[in-house]
Amino acid sequence: MAAKVGNNLYCGGKSYVTHNTYLGDSVNFNGMSMSGNGKITIGNYFHSGVNCQIITSFHNYESTAIPYDTTNMDKDVTIGDCVWLGNNVIVLGGVTIGEGAIIQAGSVVCKDIPAYGIAGGHPAKVFKYRDIEHYKLLKEQNKFY
């Protein structure tokens, strides 16, 4: 069960959240899996494709045993408003994805993505930006889906 769920949550596929997940309004999951103890914050009008993951806990490889010990390292994830993740995107802990960003299908996000950035690959890198004026006009007109 999530710590906070906004209005109009839509789950179009089997989805899992953590106890430390905070969801905004009009969040749309189409098969989302969240795991770990880090805080996950997702803004309003978020959309995910099929089979997306957010992973916030990692094995401690800088420990007293190899390949790792029994402790975890927890890192938060923050996703802004109007972000769209394509199918099979993985978002790793310690990442912020800015408002209006789009992440291409199959990407692994392990570094911050700025607002309005369109990113893809492994690791995901920004290769283009939305038309910011057009985006802001649609937002001003409340043209949300």
Protein backbone atom coordinates (compact mmCIF):
# COMPACT_ATOMS: atom_id res chain seq x y z
CA MET A 1 0.00 0.00 0.00
CA ALA A 2 1.31 3.45 -0.98
CA ALA A 3 1.87 6.16 1.63
CA LYS A 4 -0.23 8.62 -0.42
CA VAL A 5 -2.44 8.22 -3.48
CA GLY A 6 -3.92 11.22 -5.28
CA ASN A 7 -7.23 11.33 -7.14
CA ASN A 8 -7.96 9.34 -10.31
CA LEU A 9 -5.35 6.58 -10.07
CA TYR A 10 -5.57 4.23 -13.08
CA CYS A 11 -4.00 0.75 -13.13
CA GLY A 12 -4.23 -0.87 -16.56
CA GLY A 13 -1.97 -3.76 -15.59
CA LYS A 14 -0.62 -5.52 -12.53
CA SER A 15 1.25 -2.90 -10.53
CA TYR A 16 3.16 -2.87 -7.25
CA VAL A 17 4.00 0.11 -5.04
CA THR A 18 6.00 0.38 -1.83
CA HIS A 19 5.00 1.70 1.59
CA ASN A 20 7.19 4.73 0.81
CA THR A 21 5.45 5.73 -2.45
CA TYR A 22 3.69 9.08 -2.88
CA LEU A 23 1.46 9.42 -5.96
CA GLY A 24 0.00 12.63 -7.38
CA ASP A 25 -3.33 13.02 -9.17
CA SER A 26 -4.24 11.26 -12.43
CA VAL A 27 -1.38 8.75 -12.28
CA ASN A 28 -1.66 6.02 -14.95
CA PHE A 29 0.12 2.68 -14.55
CA ASN A 30 0.09 0.02 -17.24
CA GLY A 31 2.12 -2.52 -15.33
CA MET A 32 4.48 -0.80 -12.90
CA SER A 33 6.71 -2.51 -10.35
CA MET A 34 8.31 -0.53 -7.52
CA SER A 35 10.71 -2.05 -5.04
CA GLY A 36 13.07 -0.97 -2.29
CA ASN A 37 12.97 1.27 0.76
CA GLY A 38 13.81 4.62 -0.85
CA LYS A 39 11.08 7.25 -1.14
CA ILE A 40 9.30 7.33 -4.52
CA THR A 41 7.47 10.53 -5.42
CA ILE A 42 5.46 10.67 -8.65
CA GLY A 43 3.78 13.88 -9.79
CA ASN A 44 0.43 14.51 -11.46
CA TYR A 45 -0.52 13.15 -14.92
CA PHE A 46 2.22 10.50 -14.95
CA HIS A 47 1.92 7.71 -17.55
CA SER A 48 3.86 4.47 -17.69
CA GLY A 49 4.10 1.92 -20.43
CA VAL A 50 4.00 -1.82 -19.82
CA ASN A 51 6.55 -3.54 -17.52
CA CYS A 52 8.21 -0.44 -16.05
CA GLN A 53 10.26 -0.67 -12.85
CA ILE A 54 11.49 1.71 -10.17
CA ILE A 55 14.21 0.21 -7.96
CA THR A 56 15.34 2.18 -4.89
CA SER A 57 17.42 -0.30 -2.86
CA PHE A 58 20.78 -1.79 -3.84
CA HIS A 59 23.17 -4.31 -2.34
CA ASN A 60 26.14 -2.80 -0.51
CA TYR A 61 29.13 -3.84 -2.60
CA GLU A 62 31.52 -1.57 -0.61
CA SER A 63 31.11 -3.76 2.44
CA THR A 64 32.89 -6.38 4.49
CA ALA A 65 31.97 -9.25 2.17
CA ILE A 66 32.06 -9.93 -1.56
CA PRO A 67 30.25 -9.63 -3.84
CA TYR A 68 28.14 -7.72 -1.25
CA ASP A 69 26.91 -7.99 2.34
CA THR A 70 23.44 -8.15 3.87
CA THR A 71 22.89 -4.39 4.11
CA ASN A 72 21.08 -2.28 1.53
CA MET A 73 21.73 1.21 0.23
CA ASP A 74 18.47 3.10 -0.28
CA LYS A 75 18.09 6.02 -2.70
CA ASP A 76 15.01 8.12 -3.46
CA VAL A 77 13.35 8.68 -6.84
CA THR A 78 11.45 11.84 -7.77
CA ILE A 79 9.37 12.05 -10.94
CA GLY A 80 7.78 15.37 -11.92
CA ASP A 81 4.37 16.15 -13.38
CA CYS A 82 3.38 14.98 -16.87
CA VAL A 83 6.22 12.45 -17.24
CA TRP A 84 5.77 9.57 -19.66
CA LEU A 85 7.78 6.34 -19.41
CA GLY A 86 7.68 4.05 -22.45
CA ASN A 87 7.44 0.25 -22.17
CA ASN A 88 10.11 -1.62 -20.18
CA VAL A 89 11.77 1.46 -18.67
CA ILE A 90 13.85 0.95 -15.51
CA VAL A 91 14.41 3.90 -13.16
CA LEU A 92 17.15 3.43 -10.55
CA GLY A 93 17.36 5.06 -7.13
CA GLY A 94 18.94 8.47 -6.71
CA VAL A 95 17.31 9.84 -9.87
CA THR A 96 15.10 12.86 -10.52
CA ILE A 97 13.09 13.03 -13.75
CA GLY A 98 11.92 16.57 -14.43
CA GLU A 99 8.47 17.79 -15.42
CA GLY A 100 7.28 16.88 -18.90
CA ALA A 101 10.14 14.48 -19.62
CA ILE A 102 9.66 11.46 -21.88
CA ILE A 103 11.73 8.29 -21.48
CA GLN A 104 12.03 6.06 -24.54
CA ALA A 105 10.97 2.41 -24.32
CA GLY A 106 13.64 0.01 -23.02
CA SER A 107 15.74 2.72 -21.38
CA VAL A 108 17.54 2.56 -18.04
CA VAL A 109 17.49 5.86 -16.15
CA CYS A 110 20.46 6.05 -13.77
CA LYS A 111 21.12 9.81 -13.92
CA ASP A 112 18.84 12.84 -13.63
CA ILE A 113 16.76 13.81 -16.65
CA PRO A 114 15.94 17.54 -16.88
CA ALA A 115 12.47 18.99 -17.34
CA TYR A 116 11.08 18.58 -20.90
CA GLY A 117 13.95 16.25 -21.86
CA ILE A 118 13.33 13.33 -24.20
CA ALA A 119 15.80 10.62 -23.28
CA GLY A 120 16.60 7.07 -24.29
CA GLY A 121 19.21 4.36 -24.12
CA HIS A 122 21.19 2.54 -21.50
CA PRO A 123 22.10 4.68 -19.73
CA ALA A 124 19.31 7.06 -20.75
CA LYS A 125 20.61 10.31 -22.27
CA VAL A 126 18.69 13.35 -23.44
CA PHE A 127 18.68 13.52 -27.24
CA LYS A 128 15.93 16.12 -27.73
CA TYR A 129 13.65 18.51 -25.82
CA ARG A 130 9.92 19.08 -26.05
CA ASP A 131 8.70 22.35 -27.58
CA ILE A 132 8.53 24.09 -24.20
CA GLU A 133 6.26 26.95 -25.31
CA HIS A 134 3.76 24.49 -26.79
CA TYR A 135 3.93 22.35 -23.64
CA LYS A 136 3.29 25.36 -21.40
CA LEU A 137 0.37 26.51 -23.59
CA LEU A 138 -1.28 23.06 -23.34
CA LYS A 139 -0.72 23.07 -19.58
CA GLU A 140 -2.22 26.55 -19.27
CA GLN A 141 -5.28 25.34 -21.21
CA ASN A 142 -5.62 22.25 -18.92
CA LYS A 143 -5.18 19.89 -21.87
CA PHE A 144 -4.21 16.85 -19.81
CA TYR A 145 -4.73 13.17 -20.70
